[in-house]
Amino acid sequence: MTDSIKPLAIARATAQGGRNGRTATEDGLVAVDLSVPKGMGGPGRDGTTTPEHLFAAGYAACFAGALDFIGRQHKKDASKAEVTAEVAVGPRDGGGFGLAVVLHVKDPSLPQAELAALAQEAHEKICPYSHATRGNVDVQIKATGG
């Protein structure tokens, strides 16, 4: 069972040529050439990216926003936190391919335990990427506070 949403914004992108093609958003603000990395047996062409890079960038930005939101609810300033998303792709035990994510959350202005708690709450309650991956993708959070 899935939750229904009331859309506040819609992003639309089109890809052609799969992992060795091109993808762009409808408004043209994101437009990139893609190639399969050499580590996956592809050409790994210079100046190209992967769907995992795009997912990592989106998840990092989304999670940082969710963390800031939760911080404000607790009257804490997490607006300067740095979130790095590492997205790995590889074969699954059950066949096909899957993803694994590590979110590195860094903010020396917040105590370690406090940052870890805020990050966990952002992951559990707010971030739509976290909601979308829950139960499907192994997501680990590694917080480094002051």
C-alpha atoms as a PDB file:
ATOM      1  CA  MET A   1       0.000   0.000   0.000  1.00  0.00           C
ATOM      2  CA  THR A   2       1.334   3.435  -0.886  1.00  0.00           C
ATOM      3  CA  ASP A   3       0.494   6.862   0.427  1.00  0.00           C
ATOM      4  CA  SER A   4      -1.170   9.251  -1.962  1.00  0.00           C
ATOM      5  CA  ILE A   5       0.175  12.779  -2.253  1.00  0.00           C
ATOM      6  CA  LYS A   6      -1.149  16.173  -3.213  1.00  0.00           C
ATOM      7  CA  PRO A   7       1.433  17.293  -5.814  1.00  0.00           C
ATOM      8  CA  LEU A   8       2.975  20.684  -5.052  1.00  0.00           C
ATOM      9  CA  ALA A   9       5.512  20.539  -7.890  1.00  0.00           C
ATOM     10  CA  ILE A  10       6.270  18.146 -10.735  1.00  0.00           C
ATOM     11  CA  ALA A  11       9.675  17.521 -12.284  1.00  0.00           C
ATOM     12  CA  ARG A  12       9.730  16.007 -15.753  1.00  0.00           C
ATOM     13  CA  ALA A  13      12.768  14.551 -17.502  1.00  0.00           C
ATOM     14  CA  THR A  14      13.209  12.484 -20.642  1.00  0.00           C
ATOM     15  CA  ALA A  15      16.011  10.024 -21.374  1.00  0.00           C
ATOM     16  CA  GLN A  16      17.072   8.641 -24.738  1.00  0.00           C
ATOM     17  CA  GLY A  17      19.639   5.921 -25.277  1.00  0.00           C
ATOM     18  CA  GLY A  18      19.519   4.552 -21.720  1.00  0.00           C
ATOM     19  CA  ARG A  19      22.761   4.511 -19.754  1.00  0.00           C
ATOM     20  CA  ASN A  20      24.797   5.446 -22.845  1.00  0.00           C
ATOM     21  CA  GLY A  21      22.498   8.237 -23.971  1.00  0.00           C
ATOM     22  CA  ARG A  22      21.292  11.594 -22.761  1.00  0.00           C
ATOM     23  CA  THR A  23      18.760  12.852 -20.256  1.00  0.00           C
ATOM     24  CA  ALA A  24      17.310  16.318 -19.777  1.00  0.00           C
ATOM     25  CA  THR A  25      14.595  18.029 -17.820  1.00  0.00           C
ATOM     26  CA  GLU A  26      11.669  19.564 -19.623  1.00  0.00           C
ATOM     27  CA  ASP A  27      12.890  23.089 -18.801  1.00  0.00           C
ATOM     28  CA  GLY A  28      16.456  22.315 -19.948  1.00  0.00           C
ATOM     29  CA  LEU A  29      18.039  23.277 -16.611  1.00  0.00           C
ATOM     30  CA  VAL A  30      19.450  19.765 -16.267  1.00  0.00           C
ATOM     31  CA  ALA A  31      20.811  18.221 -19.452  1.00  0.00           C
ATOM     32  CA  VAL A  32      23.538  15.596 -19.322  1.00  0.00           C
ATOM     33  CA  ASP A  33      25.202  12.952 -21.442  1.00  0.00           C
ATOM     34  CA  LEU A  34      25.376   9.515 -19.853  1.00  0.00           C
ATOM     35  CA  SER A  35      27.709   6.555 -20.132  1.00  0.00           C
ATOM     36  CA  VAL A  36      28.110   3.306 -18.267  1.00  0.00           C
ATOM     37  CA  PRO A  37      31.169   3.520 -15.965  1.00  0.00           C
ATOM     38  CA  LYS A  38      34.189   1.403 -16.808  1.00  0.00           C
ATOM     39  CA  GLY A  39      33.696  -0.426 -13.497  1.00  0.00           C
ATOM     40  CA  MET A  40      30.389  -1.716 -14.862  1.00  0.00           C
ATOM     41  CA  GLY A  41      31.896  -2.743 -18.202  1.00  0.00           C
ATOM     42  CA  GLY A  42      30.984   0.439 -20.056  1.00  0.00           C
ATOM     43  CA  PRO A  43      32.961   3.071 -21.913  1.00  0.00           C
ATOM     44  CA  GLY A  44      33.083   5.557 -18.999  1.00  0.00           C
ATOM     45  CA  ARG A  45      33.334   8.456 -21.440  1.00  0.00           C
ATOM     46  CA  ASP A  46      34.827  11.724 -20.123  1.00  0.00           C
ATOM     47  CA  GLY A  47      32.333  14.505 -19.480  1.00  0.00           C
ATOM     48  CA  THR A  48      29.436  12.109 -18.827  1.00  0.00           C
ATOM     49  CA  THR A  49      27.511  11.117 -15.747  1.00  0.00           C
ATOM     50  CA  THR A  50      25.367   8.239 -14.517  1.00  0.00           C
ATOM     51  CA  PRO A  51      21.845   7.869 -13.146  1.00  0.00           C
ATOM     52  CA  GLU A  52      23.483   7.139  -9.780  1.00  0.00           C
ATOM     53  CA  HIS A  53      25.235  10.519  -9.823  1.00  0.00           C
ATOM     54  CA  LEU A  54      21.917  12.215 -10.506  1.00  0.00           C
ATOM     55  CA  PHE A  55      20.187  10.222  -7.757  1.00  0.00           C
ATOM     56  CA  ALA A  56      22.999  11.045  -5.297  1.00  0.00           C
ATOM     57  CA  ALA A  57      22.755  14.763  -6.054  1.00  0.00           C
ATOM     58  CA  GLY A  58      18.988  14.757  -5.633  1.00  0.00           C
ATOM     59  CA  TYR A  59      19.016  12.693  -2.446  1.00  0.00           C
ATOM     60  CA  ALA A  60      21.759  14.847  -0.862  1.00  0.00           C
ATOM     61  CA  ALA A  61      19.876  18.071  -1.601  1.00  0.00           C
ATOM     62  CA  CYS A  62      16.532  16.679  -0.501  1.00  0.00           C
ATOM     63  CA  PHE A  63      17.942  15.248   2.717  1.00  0.00           C
ATOM     64  CA  ALA A  64      19.708  18.516   3.559  1.00  0.00           C
ATOM     65  CA  GLY A  65      16.371  20.297   3.181  1.00  0.00           C
ATOM     66  CA  ALA A  66      14.610  17.739   5.371  1.00  0.00           C
ATOM     67  CA  LEU A  67      17.333  18.079   8.012  1.00  0.00           C
ATOM     68  CA  ASP A  68      16.990  21.865   7.996  1.00  0.00           C
ATOM     69  CA  PHE A  69      13.202  21.510   8.356  1.00  0.00           C
ATOM     70  CA  ILE A  70      13.513  19.133  11.343  1.00  0.00           C
ATOM     71  CA  GLY A  71      16.177  21.355  12.887  1.00  0.00           C
ATOM     72  CA  ARG A  72      13.863  24.366  12.769  1.00  0.00           C
ATOM     73  CA  GLN A  73      11.097  22.310  14.415  1.00  0.00           C
ATOM     74  CA  HIS A  74      13.495  21.613  17.293  1.00  0.00           C
ATOM     75  CA  LYS A  75      14.776  25.214  17.329  1.00  0.00           C
ATOM     76  CA  LYS A  76      18.222  24.069  16.135  1.00  0.00           C
ATOM     77  CA  ASP A  77      20.124  25.484  13.161  1.00  0.00           C
ATOM     78  CA  ALA A  78      20.985  22.655  10.776  1.00  0.00           C
ATOM     79  CA  SER A  79      20.899  24.918   7.719  1.00  0.00           C
ATOM     80  CA  LYS A  80      24.664  24.724   7.228  1.00  0.00           C
ATOM     81  CA  ALA A  81      24.880  20.933   7.422  1.00  0.00           C
ATOM     82  CA  GLU A  82      26.719  19.279   4.576  1.00  0.00           C
ATOM     83  CA  VAL A  83      25.112  16.116   3.213  1.00  0.00           C
ATOM     84  CA  THR A  84      27.006  13.806   0.887  1.00  0.00           C
ATOM     85  CA  ALA A  85      25.112  10.899  -0.627  1.00  0.00           C
ATOM     86  CA  GLU A  86      27.098   7.888  -1.806  1.00  0.00           C
ATOM     87  CA  VAL A  87      25.011   5.770  -4.153  1.00  0.00           C
ATOM     88  CA  ALA A  88      26.318   2.350  -5.120  1.00  0.00           C
ATOM     89  CA  VAL A  89      24.832   0.157  -7.857  1.00  0.00           C
ATOM     90  CA  GLY A  90      25.484  -3.536  -8.251  1.00  0.00           C
ATOM     91  CA  PRO A  91      24.017  -6.980  -8.788  1.00  0.00           C
ATOM     92  CA  ARG A  92      21.402  -8.150  -6.283  1.00  0.00           C
ATOM     93  CA  ASP A  93      21.368 -11.593  -4.703  1.00  0.00           C
ATOM     94  CA  GLY A  94      17.843 -12.066  -6.106  1.00  0.00           C
ATOM     95  CA  GLY A  95      18.832 -11.078  -9.651  1.00  0.00           C
ATOM     96  CA  GLY A  96      18.939  -7.802 -11.490  1.00  0.00           C
ATOM     97  CA  PHE A  97      20.589  -4.742 -10.006  1.00  0.00           C
ATOM     98  CA  GLY A  98      20.023  -2.705  -6.876  1.00  0.00           C
ATOM     99  CA  LEU A  99      21.200   0.370  -5.025  1.00  0.00           C
ATOM    100  CA  ALA A 100      22.756   1.038  -1.624  1.00  0.00           C
ATOM    101  CA  VAL A 101      23.076   4.506  -0.101  1.00  0.00           C
ATOM    102  CA  VAL A 102      25.239   6.042   2.611  1.00  0.00           C
ATOM    103  CA  LEU A 103      24.274   9.558   3.704  1.00  0.00           C
ATOM    104  CA  HIS A 104      27.193  11.396   5.320  1.00  0.00           C
ATOM    105  CA  VAL A 105      25.787  14.269   7.385  1.00  0.00           C
ATOM    106  CA  LYS A 106      28.350  16.734   8.714  1.00  0.00           C
ATOM    107  CA  ASP A 107      27.755  19.788  10.886  1.00  0.00           C
ATOM    108  CA  PRO A 108      30.450  20.759  13.416  1.00  0.00           C
ATOM    109  CA  SER A 109      28.136  23.399  14.923  1.00  0.00           C
ATOM    110  CA  LEU A 110      25.842  20.716  16.386  1.00  0.00           C
ATOM    111  CA  PRO A 111      26.801  18.126  19.005  1.00  0.00           C
ATOM    112  CA  GLN A 112      27.244  14.609  17.610  1.00  0.00           C
ATOM    113  CA  ALA A 113      24.254  13.008  19.371  1.00  0.00           C
ATOM    114  CA  GLU A 114      21.980  15.924  18.496  1.00  0.00           C
ATOM    115  CA  LEU A 115      22.925  15.860  14.809  1.00  0.00           C
ATOM    116  CA  ALA A 116      22.486  12.088  14.645  1.00  0.00           C
ATOM    117  CA  ALA A 117      19.010  12.357  16.192  1.00  0.00           C
ATOM    118  CA  LEU A 118      17.956  15.163  13.823  1.00  0.00           C
ATOM    119  CA  ALA A 119      19.254  13.196  10.820  1.00  0.00           C
ATOM    120  CA  GLN A 120      17.399  10.066  11.886  1.00  0.00           C
ATOM    121  CA  GLU A 121      14.164  12.029  12.346  1.00  0.00           C
ATOM    122  CA  ALA A 122      14.583  13.697   8.941  1.00  0.00           C
ATOM    123  CA  HIS A 123      15.089  10.238   7.418  1.00  0.00           C
ATOM    124  CA  GLU A 124      12.101   8.667   9.169  1.00  0.00           C
ATOM    125  CA  LYS A 125       9.576  11.493   8.942  1.00  0.00           C
ATOM    126  CA  ILE A 126      10.336  14.069   6.246  1.00  0.00           C
ATOM    127  CA  CYS A 127      12.624  13.264   3.309  1.00  0.00           C
ATOM    128  CA  PRO A 128      10.670  11.964   0.288  1.00  0.00           C
ATOM    129  CA  TYR A 129      13.747  10.151  -1.036  1.00  0.00           C
ATOM    130  CA  SER A 130      14.001   8.321   2.284  1.00  0.00           C
ATOM    131  CA  HIS A 131      10.313   7.417   2.079  1.00  0.00           C
ATOM    132  CA  ALA A 132      10.747   6.175  -1.500  1.00  0.00           C
ATOM    133  CA  THR A 133      13.747   3.999  -0.688  1.00  0.00           C
ATOM    134  CA  ARG A 134      12.496   2.586   2.618  1.00  0.00           C
ATOM    135  CA  GLY A 135      12.213  -1.177   2.454  1.00  0.00           C
ATOM    136  CA  ASN A 136      13.790  -1.253  -1.012  1.00  0.00           C
ATOM    137  CA  VAL A 137      17.271   0.233  -0.617  1.00  0.00           C
ATOM    138  CA  ASP A 138      19.783  -0.129   2.207  1.00  0.00           C
ATOM    139  CA  VAL A 139      20.237   3.451   3.465  1.00  0.00           C
ATOM    140  CA  GLN A 140      22.785   4.163   6.195  1.00  0.00           C
ATOM    141  CA  ILE A 141      23.219   7.516   7.905  1.00  0.00           C
ATOM    142  CA  LYS A 142      26.631   8.531   9.235  1.00  0.00           C
ATOM    143  CA  ALA A 143      26.481  11.780  11.179  1.00  0.00           C
ATOM    144  CA  THR A 144      29.543  13.767  12.226  1.00  0.00           C
ATOM    145  CA  GLY A 145      28.825  16.606  14.636  1.00  0.00           C
ATOM    146  CA  GLY A 146      31.001  18.842  16.755  1.00  0.00           C
END
